[in-house]
N, C-alpha and C. Protein backbone atom coordinates (compact mmCIF):
# COMPACT_ATOMS: atom_id res chain seq x y z
N MET A 1 128.84 -76.84 -93.99
CA MET A 1 128.15 -76.06 -94.98
C MET A 1 127.31 -74.98 -94.30
N LEU A 2 126.68 -75.32 -93.22
CA LEU A 2 125.88 -74.36 -92.49
C LEU A 2 126.76 -73.24 -91.94
N VAL A 3 127.92 -73.61 -91.44
CA VAL A 3 128.85 -72.61 -90.90
C VAL A 3 129.32 -71.68 -92.00
N LEU A 4 129.66 -72.23 -93.16
CA LEU A 4 130.13 -71.42 -94.28
C LEU A 4 129.04 -70.45 -94.73
N GLY A 5 127.80 -70.93 -94.80
CA GLY A 5 126.68 -70.06 -95.17
C GLY A 5 126.49 -68.95 -94.16
N SER A 6 126.68 -69.26 -92.90
CA SER A 6 126.55 -68.27 -91.84
C SER A 6 127.64 -67.22 -91.95
N VAL A 7 128.86 -67.67 -92.24
CA VAL A 7 129.98 -66.75 -92.38
C VAL A 7 129.77 -65.85 -93.59
N THR A 8 129.29 -66.42 -94.67
CA THR A 8 129.04 -65.63 -95.88
C THR A 8 127.97 -64.58 -95.62
N ALA A 9 126.90 -64.95 -94.95
CA ALA A 9 125.84 -64.00 -94.64
C ALA A 9 126.37 -62.92 -93.71
N SER A 10 127.18 -63.33 -92.77
CA SER A 10 127.74 -62.36 -91.83
C SER A 10 128.65 -61.38 -92.54
N ALA A 11 129.47 -61.88 -93.47
CA ALA A 11 130.35 -60.99 -94.22
C ALA A 11 129.54 -60.03 -95.07
N ALA A 12 128.45 -60.51 -95.65
CA ALA A 12 127.60 -59.63 -96.46
C ALA A 12 126.96 -58.56 -95.58
N ASP A 13 126.52 -58.95 -94.38
CA ASP A 13 125.94 -57.98 -93.45
C ASP A 13 126.95 -56.92 -93.07
N GLN A 14 128.20 -57.35 -92.84
CA GLN A 14 129.24 -56.40 -92.47
C GLN A 14 129.51 -55.43 -93.61
N THR A 15 129.47 -55.91 -94.85
CA THR A 15 129.66 -55.04 -96.01
C THR A 15 128.55 -54.01 -96.08
N ASP A 16 127.30 -54.46 -95.86
CA ASP A 16 126.17 -53.52 -95.86
C ASP A 16 126.33 -52.49 -94.75
N ASP A 17 126.74 -52.94 -93.56
CA ASP A 17 126.95 -52.02 -92.44
C ASP A 17 128.05 -51.02 -92.76
N ALA A 18 129.12 -51.50 -93.40
CA ALA A 18 130.22 -50.61 -93.76
C ALA A 18 129.75 -49.57 -94.77
N ASP A 19 128.92 -50.00 -95.73
CA ASP A 19 128.38 -49.06 -96.72
C ASP A 19 127.52 -48.00 -96.03
N LYS A 20 126.70 -48.43 -95.07
CA LYS A 20 125.87 -47.48 -94.33
C LYS A 20 126.74 -46.52 -93.53
N GLY A 21 127.79 -47.04 -92.93
CA GLY A 21 128.72 -46.20 -92.17
C GLY A 21 129.42 -45.20 -93.07
N ASP A 22 129.82 -45.65 -94.27
CA ASP A 22 130.46 -44.75 -95.23
C ASP A 22 129.51 -43.65 -95.66
N ALA A 23 128.25 -44.01 -95.89
CA ALA A 23 127.25 -43.02 -96.30
C ALA A 23 127.01 -42.01 -95.18
N ALA A 24 126.96 -42.49 -93.94
CA ALA A 24 126.76 -41.60 -92.80
C ALA A 24 127.95 -40.66 -92.63
N ALA A 25 129.15 -41.19 -92.79
CA ALA A 25 130.35 -40.36 -92.68
C ALA A 25 130.38 -39.31 -93.77
N GLN A 26 129.98 -39.69 -94.99
CA GLN A 26 129.95 -38.73 -96.10
C GLN A 26 128.92 -37.64 -95.82
N ALA A 27 127.76 -38.01 -95.30
CA ALA A 27 126.73 -37.02 -94.98
C ALA A 27 127.22 -36.06 -93.90
N MET A 28 127.95 -36.58 -92.91
CA MET A 28 128.49 -35.72 -91.85
C MET A 28 129.52 -34.76 -92.43
N GLU A 29 130.36 -35.23 -93.35
CA GLU A 29 131.35 -34.36 -93.97
C GLU A 29 130.67 -33.26 -94.78
N GLU A 30 129.59 -33.60 -95.49
CA GLU A 30 128.86 -32.61 -96.26
C GLU A 30 128.22 -31.59 -95.34
N ASP A 31 127.66 -32.05 -94.21
CA ASP A 31 127.08 -31.13 -93.24
C ASP A 31 128.15 -30.25 -92.62
N ALA A 32 129.33 -30.82 -92.38
CA ALA A 32 130.41 -30.06 -91.77
C ALA A 32 130.89 -28.95 -92.70
N ALA A 33 130.74 -29.13 -94.00
CA ALA A 33 131.16 -28.11 -94.96
C ALA A 33 130.23 -26.90 -94.92
N GLU A 34 129.00 -27.08 -94.46
CA GLU A 34 128.04 -25.99 -94.36
C GLU A 34 128.39 -25.11 -93.17
N PRO A 35 128.47 -23.79 -93.34
CA PRO A 35 128.79 -22.92 -92.20
C PRO A 35 127.70 -22.99 -91.13
N LEU A 36 128.11 -23.11 -89.90
CA LEU A 36 127.19 -23.20 -88.77
C LEU A 36 127.57 -22.21 -87.69
N PRO A 37 126.60 -21.74 -86.90
CA PRO A 37 126.94 -20.91 -85.76
C PRO A 37 127.53 -21.77 -84.65
N GLY A 38 128.28 -21.17 -83.77
CA GLY A 38 128.84 -21.89 -82.63
C GLY A 38 128.77 -21.02 -81.40
N ILE A 39 127.91 -21.36 -80.47
CA ILE A 39 127.69 -20.52 -79.30
C ILE A 39 128.75 -20.79 -78.24
N LEU A 40 129.25 -19.72 -77.65
CA LEU A 40 130.22 -19.82 -76.57
C LEU A 40 129.80 -18.85 -75.48
N ILE A 41 129.57 -19.37 -74.29
CA ILE A 41 129.18 -18.54 -73.14
C ILE A 41 130.31 -18.64 -72.13
N ASP A 42 130.97 -17.51 -71.88
CA ASP A 42 132.13 -17.51 -70.99
C ASP A 42 131.79 -18.04 -69.60
N GLU A 43 130.67 -17.62 -69.06
CA GLU A 43 130.25 -18.01 -67.71
C GLU A 43 128.78 -18.41 -67.78
N PRO A 44 128.48 -19.68 -68.12
CA PRO A 44 127.08 -20.08 -68.33
C PRO A 44 126.23 -20.13 -67.06
N VAL A 45 126.87 -20.18 -65.89
CA VAL A 45 126.14 -20.22 -64.62
C VAL A 45 126.72 -19.15 -63.71
N PHE A 46 125.83 -18.40 -63.05
CA PHE A 46 126.27 -17.38 -62.11
C PHE A 46 125.50 -17.54 -60.81
N ASP A 47 126.21 -17.55 -59.69
CA ASP A 47 125.59 -17.69 -58.37
C ASP A 47 125.46 -16.31 -57.75
N PHE A 48 124.24 -15.85 -57.54
CA PHE A 48 124.00 -14.54 -56.94
C PHE A 48 124.20 -14.56 -55.43
N GLY A 49 124.42 -15.72 -54.86
CA GLY A 49 124.61 -15.80 -53.41
C GLY A 49 123.29 -15.71 -52.67
N SER A 50 123.36 -15.35 -51.40
CA SER A 50 122.15 -15.23 -50.58
C SER A 50 121.45 -13.90 -50.86
N LEU A 51 120.16 -13.98 -51.11
CA LEU A 51 119.37 -12.79 -51.42
C LEU A 51 118.07 -12.83 -50.64
N TYR A 52 117.49 -11.67 -50.45
CA TYR A 52 116.14 -11.58 -49.90
C TYR A 52 115.16 -11.45 -51.06
N GLU A 53 113.97 -11.97 -50.87
CA GLU A 53 112.97 -11.88 -51.91
C GLU A 53 112.73 -10.42 -52.27
N GLY A 54 112.74 -10.15 -53.55
CA GLY A 54 112.52 -8.79 -54.02
C GLY A 54 113.79 -8.00 -54.24
N ASP A 55 114.95 -8.52 -53.79
CA ASP A 55 116.22 -7.83 -54.04
C ASP A 55 116.48 -7.79 -55.55
N PRO A 56 116.81 -6.62 -56.07
CA PRO A 56 117.14 -6.56 -57.50
C PRO A 56 118.51 -7.19 -57.75
N VAL A 57 118.61 -7.93 -58.82
CA VAL A 57 119.89 -8.55 -59.19
C VAL A 57 120.14 -8.31 -60.67
N VAL A 58 121.40 -8.13 -61.00
CA VAL A 58 121.79 -7.91 -62.39
C VAL A 58 123.09 -8.66 -62.64
N HIS A 59 123.16 -9.32 -63.77
CA HIS A 59 124.40 -9.96 -64.20
C HIS A 59 124.40 -9.98 -65.72
N THR A 60 125.53 -9.71 -66.31
CA THR A 60 125.66 -9.73 -67.76
C THR A 60 126.32 -11.03 -68.19
N PHE A 61 125.63 -11.78 -69.01
CA PHE A 61 126.19 -13.00 -69.59
C PHE A 61 126.73 -12.65 -70.97
N VAL A 62 127.99 -12.94 -71.19
CA VAL A 62 128.62 -12.65 -72.48
C VAL A 62 128.46 -13.88 -73.37
N ILE A 63 127.81 -13.68 -74.51
CA ILE A 63 127.55 -14.76 -75.46
C ILE A 63 128.26 -14.40 -76.76
N ARG A 64 129.07 -15.33 -77.25
CA ARG A 64 129.82 -15.09 -78.48
C ARG A 64 129.51 -16.15 -79.52
N ASN A 65 129.61 -15.75 -80.75
CA ASN A 65 129.44 -16.68 -81.86
C ASN A 65 130.83 -17.06 -82.36
N LYS A 66 131.22 -18.30 -82.15
CA LYS A 66 132.52 -18.80 -82.62
C LYS A 66 132.38 -19.59 -83.91
N GLY A 67 131.21 -19.56 -84.52
CA GLY A 67 130.98 -20.31 -85.74
C GLY A 67 131.18 -19.47 -86.98
N ASP A 68 130.80 -20.05 -88.11
CA ASP A 68 130.98 -19.41 -89.40
C ASP A 68 129.68 -18.85 -89.97
N ALA A 69 128.57 -19.01 -89.26
CA ALA A 69 127.28 -18.49 -89.71
C ALA A 69 126.69 -17.64 -88.61
N GLY A 70 125.68 -16.86 -88.94
CA GLY A 70 125.05 -15.99 -87.97
C GLY A 70 124.37 -16.78 -86.85
N LEU A 71 124.49 -16.27 -85.63
CA LEU A 71 123.86 -16.89 -84.47
C LEU A 71 122.64 -16.07 -84.11
N VAL A 72 121.47 -16.68 -84.14
CA VAL A 72 120.23 -16.00 -83.83
C VAL A 72 119.68 -16.58 -82.53
N ILE A 73 119.52 -15.74 -81.52
CA ILE A 73 118.94 -16.18 -80.25
C ILE A 73 117.50 -15.70 -80.26
N GLU A 74 116.58 -16.65 -80.35
CA GLU A 74 115.18 -16.31 -80.50
C GLU A 74 114.43 -16.25 -79.18
N LYS A 75 114.92 -16.93 -78.15
CA LYS A 75 114.19 -16.98 -76.89
C LYS A 75 115.17 -17.20 -75.75
N VAL A 76 114.96 -16.50 -74.67
CA VAL A 76 115.78 -16.67 -73.47
C VAL A 76 114.84 -16.96 -72.32
N LYS A 77 115.16 -17.99 -71.55
CA LYS A 77 114.33 -18.35 -70.40
C LYS A 77 115.21 -18.36 -69.16
N PRO A 78 114.99 -17.42 -68.25
CA PRO A 78 115.80 -17.42 -67.03
C PRO A 78 115.47 -18.62 -66.16
N GLY A 79 116.47 -19.12 -65.47
CA GLY A 79 116.29 -20.31 -64.64
C GLY A 79 115.87 -19.95 -63.30
């Protein structure tokens, strides 16, 4: 009887977990339907090689939006 009660409780817990998983999957699908930006950087890291302090350096990083919504870059922090 104890084993049967344990199995029943376990099955009920699994049903609750499945319901939670279904709700999470549905929420993800709804979020996926919303247009989002998608950032793509062709060359995210660039090695300037050996430099002396004070040497001017320039490199252009190409950033593209591969998403369905506008991509807004609000802040850039050089490394």
